[in-house]
């Protein structure tokens, strides 16, 4: 049997895979088992921050691999504290809890918010407001936090305690936050799985104002938009707000599984010994890879992300077959005249890897993609939308 046949026979059928078997890559180029070359505009769904087989990242990971691959969190090891210090220094946050994924980072944030509210306001204060069209993960609790019924229907009953407000509707948010049992508001500044839809600045300001007024914790889910993808280190930094808790994953590790939950001063001491844990959280190899990523997300790199974003939006906007372009930085969604799945198929056939978000073509290229490759890929996208 070949790879596709083994996959079909032995792997749970949870993914509708594209008929492409990727075997290698370098930078922003990927290659399949037949030697076909593709320009990578997906970066493993916003994971491979500096593309494939990035030399600095590979060196950092392999050096750590040759020293120590795992210890457990019952002992100290060097990489996780170094990474935590970088995250705190770059954000102003005070403490970090490491896990393995965005869903786990969000679970940690939910637990922290509930404990903080219970200690400060009583055990009946545990509800968390999220937004309609949001996506926060696939565990039972993060599914409950996700404001999309399509993800709920087969897994009821979900964890209780979540209220869904309408995105960009300040009056609805105020009404939902009026009770005395609200512990936190959790949001993505760009709803990725919801169709690459940014929140408007007025609404984000209202979230921050309501949270401050009612002493409700502010949780920014930065799993997909974070780690430089927005043109700032974290997406919330585009909105002049300071969350109490920030969650991140995906691009943080550059290709290895890692999640992080960052706590501001208000909640830095909310957890005590035994309140939370993760066998692999802060794994030395994953943390070493993340250090390599974080050290290179500097002002020059972030400026280039914004410049590439401006180019893509300008090049695509108004072109035949393209209705609109939404998103932020190098997390963009293209609303097309014809079915997005057909556009994606044609892009793949022409050597550009893109993916879908609801009814849109989603672009998530490596942050350091060379402009000549990006321009070539955009021309192919335009051709696919026109044809």
Protein backbone atom coordinates (compact mmCIF):
# COMPACT_ATOMS: atom_id res chain seq x y z
CA UNK A 1 0.00 0.00 0.00
CA UNK A 2 1.10 3.58 -0.58
CA UNK A 3 0.84 6.41 1.96
CA UNK A 4 -2.71 7.38 1.03
CA UNK A 5 -3.87 3.76 1.31
CA UNK A 6 -2.19 3.30 4.70
CA UNK A 7 -3.79 6.55 5.86
CA UNK A 8 -7.23 5.46 4.73
CA UNK A 9 -6.89 2.04 6.36
CA UNK A 10 -5.32 2.97 9.71
CA UNK A 11 -5.94 6.64 10.55
CA UNK A 12 -9.28 7.85 11.95
CA UNK A 13 -11.27 9.54 9.22
CA UNK A 14 -11.41 13.01 10.73
CA UNK A 15 -9.66 14.89 7.92
CA UNK A 16 -10.79 15.55 4.37
CA UNK A 17 -7.26 15.60 3.02
CA UNK A 18 -6.19 17.14 -0.28
CA UNK A 19 -4.82 14.50 -2.70
CA UNK A 20 -1.23 15.69 -2.19
CA UNK A 21 1.49 13.73 -0.36
CA UNK A 22 4.08 16.26 0.86
CA UNK A 23 7.50 14.80 1.55
CA UNK A 24 9.98 17.69 1.83
CA UNK A 25 10.48 21.40 1.61
CA UNK A 26 12.79 24.34 2.06
CA UNK A 27 11.74 27.82 3.10
CA UNK A 28 8.49 28.73 1.34
CA UNK A 29 8.65 25.84 -1.14
CA UNK A 30 7.22 22.34 -0.62
CA UNK A 31 7.55 19.17 -2.70
CA UNK A 32 5.27 16.17 -3.08
CA UNK A 33 6.19 12.51 -3.58
CA UNK A 34 6.20 13.01 -7.36
CA UNK A 35 8.64 15.92 -7.18
CA UNK A 36 6.10 18.65 -7.91
CA UNK A 37 6.98 22.03 -6.40
CA UNK A 38 4.48 24.20 -4.50
CA UNK A 39 4.66 27.72 -3.10
CA UNK A 40 3.54 27.46 0.51
CA UNK A 41 0.78 29.94 1.43
CA UNK A 42 -0.52 27.93 4.38
CA UNK A 43 2.57 27.24 6.58
CA UNK A 44 0.87 24.25 8.18
CA UNK A 45 -2.12 26.43 9.19
CA UNK A 46 -0.03 29.29 10.61
CA UNK A 47 2.51 26.98 12.30
CA UNK A 48 5.72 27.08 10.23
CA UNK A 49 6.51 30.72 11.02
CA UNK A 50 9.75 30.78 9.05
CA UNK A 51 8.78 28.11 6.54
CA UNK A 52 10.12 24.57 6.22
CA UNK A 53 13.54 23.38 7.41
CA UNK A 54 14.56 26.87 8.50
CA UNK A 55 18.26 26.53 9.28
CA UNK A 56 18.35 28.52 12.54
CA UNK A 57 15.28 26.72 13.87
CA UNK A 58 16.64 23.29 12.88
CA UNK A 59 19.95 24.05 14.60
CA UNK A 60 18.23 25.18 17.82
CA UNK A 61 16.02 22.09 17.88
CA UNK A 62 18.74 19.56 17.05
CA UNK A 63 21.19 21.04 19.55
CA UNK A 64 18.59 20.58 22.28
CA UNK A 65 17.63 17.13 20.97
CA UNK A 66 21.23 16.03 21.39
CA UNK A 67 21.28 17.26 24.98
CA UNK A 68 17.93 16.41 26.55
CA UNK A 69 14.58 15.62 24.92
CA UNK A 70 12.33 15.51 28.01
CA UNK A 71 12.53 15.80 31.79
CA UNK A 72 8.97 16.29 33.12
CA UNK A 73 8.00 19.41 35.01
CA UNK A 74 9.14 17.89 38.32
CA UNK A 75 12.62 19.19 37.43
CA UNK A 76 14.12 22.41 36.08
CA UNK A 77 15.47 22.61 32.54
CA UNK A 78 16.88 25.61 30.67
CA UNK A 79 14.71 26.26 27.58
CA UNK A 80 11.24 26.80 29.12
CA UNK A 81 12.30 29.56 31.57
CA UNK A 82 14.25 31.29 28.78
CA UNK A 83 11.20 31.18 26.54
CA UNK A 84 8.94 32.41 29.33
CA UNK A 85 11.24 35.36 29.94
CA UNK A 86 11.16 36.29 26.25
CA UNK A 87 7.36 36.14 26.18
CA UNK A 88 7.03 38.26 29.31
CA UNK A 89 9.64 40.82 28.25
CA UNK A 90 8.02 41.26 24.83
CA UNK A 91 4.44 41.54 26.14
CA UNK A 92 4.65 42.92 29.67
CA UNK A 93 2.94 39.79 31.01
CA UNK A 94 4.19 38.34 34.31
CA UNK A 95 3.86 34.54 34.22
CA UNK A 96 3.51 31.77 31.62
CA UNK A 97 2.04 28.27 31.68
CA UNK A 98 3.21 25.99 28.87
CA UNK A 99 1.09 23.29 27.24
CA UNK A 100 1.02 21.59 23.82
CA UNK A 101 -1.68 23.26 21.72
CA UNK A 102 -4.03 26.17 21.34
CA UNK A 103 -6.95 24.23 22.80
CA UNK A 104 -4.89 23.42 25.90
CA UNK A 105 -3.77 27.04 26.23
CA UNK A 106 -7.41 28.09 26.11
CA UNK A 107 -8.43 25.41 28.63
CA UNK A 108 -5.80 26.81 30.98
CA UNK A 109 -7.13 30.35 30.50
CA UNK A 110 -10.68 29.20 31.25
CA UNK A 111 -9.57 27.43 34.42
CA UNK A 112 -7.60 30.48 35.55
CA UNK A 113 -10.53 32.82 34.89
CA UNK A 114 -12.94 30.61 36.82
CA UNK A 115 -10.61 30.29 39.82
CA UNK A 116 -9.89 34.03 39.88
CA UNK A 117 -13.59 34.90 39.74
CA UNK A 118 -14.54 32.29 42.35
CA UNK A 119 -11.95 33.62 44.78
CA UNK A 120 -12.88 37.26 44.20
CA UNK A 121 -16.65 37.15 43.62
CA UNK A 122 -17.80 33.71 44.73
CA UNK A 123 -18.34 30.27 43.23
CA UNK A 124 -21.44 31.36 41.27
CA UNK A 125 -19.33 33.73 39.14
CA UNK A 126 -18.02 31.37 36.46
CA UNK A 127 -19.58 32.28 33.11
CA UNK A 128 -17.41 33.36 30.20
CA UNK A 129 -18.60 35.44 27.25
CA UNK A 130 -17.23 34.46 23.84
CA UNK A 131 -18.33 35.66 20.43
CA UNK A 132 -20.58 34.19 17.79
CA UNK A 133 -18.47 32.80 14.93
CA UNK A 134 -15.49 32.26 17.23
CA UNK A 135 -13.29 29.18 17.43
CA UNK A 136 -11.32 28.23 20.54
CA UNK A 137 -10.52 24.52 20.16
CA UNK A 138 -11.89 20.97 19.93
CA UNK A 139 -11.87 19.71 23.50
CA UNK A 140 -15.31 19.53 25.11
CA UNK A 141 -14.76 22.76 27.03
CA UNK A 142 -13.12 24.74 24.22
CA UNK A 143 -15.87 23.50 21.88
CA UNK A 144 -18.33 24.96 24.38
CA UNK A 145 -16.38 28.23 24.22
CA UNK A 146 -16.58 28.17 20.41
CA UNK A 147 -19.50 30.24 19.17
CA UNK A 148 -20.46 28.02 16.22
CA UNK A 149 -23.25 25.46 16.57
CA UNK A 150 -21.89 23.40 13.69
CA UNK A 151 -19.07 22.25 15.97
CA UNK A 152 -21.43 21.45 18.87
CA UNK A 153 -24.16 19.26 17.45
CA UNK A 154 -22.62 15.78 17.78
CA UNK A 155 -20.97 16.26 21.17
CA UNK A 156 -23.70 17.44 23.53
CA UNK A 157 -23.88 18.09 26.39
CA UNK A 158 -20.94 20.49 26.41
CA UNK A 159 -19.37 22.20 29.41
CA UNK A 160 -21.83 24.77 30.72
CA UNK A 161 -21.07 28.39 31.47
CA UNK A 162 -20.49 30.01 28.08
CA UNK A 163 -22.51 32.91 26.64
CA UNK A 164 -22.17 33.99 23.00
CA UNK A 165 -22.31 37.69 22.13
CA UNK A 166 -22.60 39.03 18.60
CA UNK A 167 -19.26 40.08 17.16
CA UNK A 168 -18.99 43.84 16.57
CA UNK A 169 -22.32 44.50 18.37
CA UNK A 170 -21.50 46.65 21.42
CA UNK A 171 -25.07 46.79 22.75
CA UNK A 172 -25.43 43.01 22.66
CA UNK A 173 -22.10 42.64 24.45
CA UNK A 174 -23.17 45.10 27.15
CA UNK A 175 -26.42 43.20 27.67
CA UNK A 176 -24.65 39.84 27.88
CA UNK A 177 -22.11 41.27 30.34
CA UNK A 178 -24.71 42.85 32.62
CA UNK A 179 -25.01 39.89 35.01
CA UNK A 180 -23.01 39.45 38.19
CA UNK A 181 -21.92 35.93 37.21
CA UNK A 182 -19.53 36.86 34.37
CA UNK A 183 -15.92 35.86 34.99
CA UNK A 184 -14.32 36.79 31.66
CA UNK A 185 -14.69 37.81 28.03
CA UNK A 186 -12.68 35.71 25.57
CA UNK A 187 -12.11 36.81 21.96
CA UNK A 188 -9.98 36.54 18.82
CA UNK A 189 -9.16 39.90 17.23
CA UNK A 190 -9.41 38.07 13.88
CA UNK A 191 -11.86 35.18 13.77
CA UNK A 192 -9.81 32.70 11.75
CA UNK A 193 -11.95 29.58 11.46
CA UNK A 194 -14.94 31.93 11.38
CA UNK A 195 -13.93 33.24 7.95
CA UNK A 196 -10.91 35.47 8.66
CA UNK A 197 -13.05 38.27 10.05
CA UNK A 198 -11.37 41.06 12.08
CA UNK A 199 -13.16 42.70 14.96
CA UNK A 200 -13.60 46.44 14.51
CA UNK A 201 -11.56 48.75 16.77
CA UNK A 202 -14.63 50.27 18.43
CA UNK A 203 -15.86 46.86 19.49
CA UNK A 204 -12.48 45.79 20.87
CA UNK A 205 -12.29 49.05 22.83
CA UNK A 206 -15.76 48.33 24.19
CA UNK A 207 -14.67 44.84 25.32
CA UNK A 208 -11.75 46.39 27.21
CA UNK A 209 -13.92 49.13 28.76
CA UNK A 210 -16.63 46.74 29.90
CA UNK A 211 -14.05 44.37 31.34
CA UNK A 212 -12.40 47.15 33.33
CA UNK A 213 -15.70 48.62 34.53
CA UNK A 214 -17.07 45.29 35.77
CA UNK A 215 -13.78 43.68 36.84
CA UNK A 216 -14.19 40.98 34.20
CA UNK A 217 -11.04 39.30 32.95
CA UNK A 218 -10.02 39.98 29.35
CA UNK A 219 -8.74 36.88 27.50
CA UNK A 220 -7.13 37.32 24.06
CA UNK A 221 -7.00 34.13 22.01
CA UNK A 222 -3.89 34.61 19.86
CA UNK A 223 -3.54 31.01 18.72
CA UNK A 224 -3.69 31.77 14.99
CA UNK A 225 -3.16 35.55 14.65
CA UNK A 226 -0.31 35.69 17.20
CA UNK A 227 3.47 35.40 16.93
CA UNK A 228 3.96 38.10 14.32
CA UNK A 229 1.27 37.12 11.86
CA UNK A 230 -0.75 40.33 12.32
CA UNK A 231 2.22 42.63 11.75
CA UNK A 232 2.56 43.08 15.51
CA UNK A 233 3.93 40.48 17.89
CA UNK A 234 0.36 39.73 19.01
CA UNK A 235 -2.85 40.75 17.32
CA UNK A 236 -4.29 42.60 20.32
CA UNK A 237 -1.35 45.02 20.04
CA UNK A 238 -3.03 46.49 16.94
CA UNK A 239 -5.91 47.65 19.17
CA UNK A 240 -4.15 49.45 22.05
CA UNK A 241 -5.51 47.15 24.77
CA UNK A 242 -3.85 45.04 27.46
CA UNK A 243 -5.48 41.65 28.16
CA UNK A 244 -5.35 39.92 31.52
CA UNK A 245 -4.66 36.57 29.86
CA UNK A 246 -3.19 35.82 26.42
CA UNK A 247 -3.24 32.38 24.82
CA UNK A 248 -1.00 31.34 21.97
CA UNK A 249 0.28 28.24 20.13
CA UNK A 250 0.67 27.36 16.41
CA UNK A 251 3.43 29.67 15.14
CA UNK A 252 5.08 29.92 18.55
CA UNK A 253 6.87 26.59 18.08
CA UNK A 254 7.68 27.05 14.40
CA UNK A 255 6.67 23.45 13.65
CA UNK A 256 6.69 21.69 17.02
CA UNK A 257 3.65 21.42 19.32
CA UNK A 258 3.61 24.03 22.07
CA UNK A 259 0.97 26.21 23.68
CA UNK A 260 1.37 29.08 26.12
CA UNK A 261 -0.98 30.91 28.46
CA UNK A 262 0.35 34.29 29.55
CA UNK A 263 -0.88 35.96 32.74
CA UNK A 264 -0.83 39.68 33.51
CA UNK A 265 -0.24 41.02 37.01
CA UNK A 266 -3.86 40.69 38.12
CA UNK A 267 -3.83 36.91 37.64
CA UNK A 268 -0.14 36.03 37.82
CA UNK A 269 -0.61 34.15 41.11
CA UNK A 270 -4.00 32.60 40.46
CA UNK A 271 -2.62 29.06 40.23
CA UNK A 272 -1.06 27.25 43.19
CA UNK A 273 0.86 23.94 43.29
CA UNK A 274 -1.26 21.20 41.75
CA UNK A 275 -3.92 23.48 40.23
CA UNK A 276 -2.85 22.67 36.69
CA UNK A 277 -0.25 20.60 34.88
CA UNK A 278 0.95 19.15 31.58
CA UNK A 279 3.30 16.20 31.06
CA UNK A 280 4.80 17.62 27.88
CA UNK A 281 4.16 21.33 28.53
CA UNK A 282 7.39 23.31 28.15
CA UNK A 283 9.14 20.32 26.57
CA UNK A 284 12.81 21.31 26.09
CA UNK A 285 12.88 20.62 22.35
CA UNK A 286 9.64 22.48 21.59
CA UNK A 287 10.76 25.35 23.84
CA UNK A 288 14.14 25.55 22.09
CA UNK A 289 12.38 25.85 18.74
CA UNK A 290 10.09 28.55 20.13
CA UNK A 291 13.05 30.53 21.47
CA UNK A 292 14.49 30.56 17.95
CA UNK A 293 11.19 31.94 16.65
CA UNK A 294 10.67 34.56 19.37
CA UNK A 295 14.21 35.93 19.14
CA UNK A 296 13.71 36.69 15.43
CA UNK A 297 10.27 38.31 15.62
CA UNK A 298 11.80 41.78 15.65
CA UNK A 299 10.60 45.15 14.34
CA UNK A 300 12.17 44.65 10.92
CA UNK A 301 10.44 41.30 10.41
CA UNK A 302 7.10 42.64 11.65
CA UNK A 303 7.37 45.62 9.29
CA UNK A 304 7.94 43.25 6.38
CA UNK A 305 4.80 41.30 7.35
CA UNK A 306 2.74 44.48 7.09
CA UNK A 307 4.35 45.39 3.76
CA UNK A 308 3.60 41.94 2.30
CA UNK A 309 0.05 42.15 3.60
CA UNK A 310 -0.45 45.53 1.93
CA UNK A 311 0.88 44.09 -1.34
CA UNK A 312 -1.45 41.08 -1.27
CA UNK A 313 -4.53 43.15 -0.45
CA UNK A 314 -3.72 45.74 -3.11
CA UNK A 315 -2.93 43.10 -5.76
CA UNK A 316 -6.12 41.09 -5.15
CA UNK A 317 -8.68 43.80 -4.45
CA UNK A 318 -10.97 44.57 -7.35
CA UNK A 319 -9.69 41.75 -9.53
CA UNK A 320 -12.11 39.71 -11.60
CA UNK A 321 -13.69 36.91 -9.61
CA UNK A 322 -12.72 38.40 -6.22
CA UNK A 323 -15.48 39.92 -4.09
CA UNK A 324 -13.43 41.01 -1.09
CA UNK A 325 -10.27 40.46 0.94
CA UNK A 326 -10.47 40.37 4.75
CA UNK A 327 -8.08 39.74 7.61
CA UNK A 328 -4.92 41.26 8.99
CA UNK A 329 -1.22 40.93 8.27
CA UNK A 330 -0.44 37.56 6.70
CA UNK A 331 -3.73 36.01 7.80
CA UNK A 332 -6.08 36.85 4.95
CA UNK A 333 -9.33 35.52 3.51
CA UNK A 334 -10.41 35.91 -0.12
CA UNK A 335 -14.13 35.87 -0.88
CA UNK A 336 -14.41 34.57 -4.44
CA UNK A 337 -17.18 34.68 -7.05
CA UNK A 338 -16.95 30.97 -7.68
CA UNK A 339 -16.82 28.26 -5.03
CA UNK A 340 -13.66 28.64 -2.94
CA UNK A 341 -13.01 24.89 -3.16
CA UNK A 342 -12.69 25.17 -6.94
CA UNK A 343 -10.26 28.08 -6.62
CA UNK A 344 -8.21 26.11 -4.10
CA UNK A 345 -8.13 23.07 -6.40
CA UNK A 346 -6.90 25.18 -9.32
CA UNK A 347 -4.26 26.85 -7.14
CA UNK A 348 -2.98 23.44 -6.05
CA UNK A 349 -2.85 22.25 -9.65
CA UNK A 350 -0.83 25.37 -10.56
CA UNK A 351 1.58 24.89 -7.65
CA UNK A 352 0.27 27.15 -4.87
CA UNK A 353 -0.92 25.65 -1.57
CA UNK A 354 -3.82 27.54 -0.01
CA UNK A 355 -6.60 26.38 2.31
CA UNK A 356 -10.18 27.28 3.19
CA UNK A 357 -11.97 29.18 5.95
CA UNK A 358 -15.75 28.88 5.66
CA UNK A 359 -16.49 30.17 2.14
CA UNK A 360 -13.13 31.86 1.63
CA UNK A 361 -9.68 31.03 0.34
CA UNK A 362 -7.36 31.48 3.31
CA UNK A 363 -3.75 32.68 3.04
CA UNK A 364 -1.25 31.98 5.84
CA UNK A 365 2.22 32.14 4.24
CA UNK A 366 5.48 31.90 6.17
CA UNK A 367 6.26 35.34 7.57
CA UNK A 368 9.59 35.47 5.72
CA UNK A 369 8.30 34.37 2.30
CA UNK A 370 10.42 36.08 -0.39
CA UNK A 371 8.55 38.75 -2.36
CA UNK A 372 9.32 37.12 -5.71
CA UNK A 373 7.62 33.90 -4.59
CA UNK A 374 4.72 35.80 -3.06
CA UNK A 375 4.14 37.76 -6.28
CA UNK A 376 4.24 34.58 -8.33
CA UNK A 377 1.73 32.95 -5.99
CA UNK A 378 -0.61 35.96 -6.03
CA UNK A 379 -0.60 35.96 -9.85
CA UNK A 380 -1.64 32.29 -9.78
CA UNK A 381 -4.42 33.03 -7.30
CA UNK A 382 -5.73 35.84 -9.52
CA UNK A 383 -5.67 33.49 -12.51
CA UNK A 384 -7.56 30.81 -10.56
CA UNK A 385 -10.20 33.31 -9.46
CA UNK A 386 -10.67 34.62 -13.01
CA UNK A 387 -10.78 31.23 -14.75
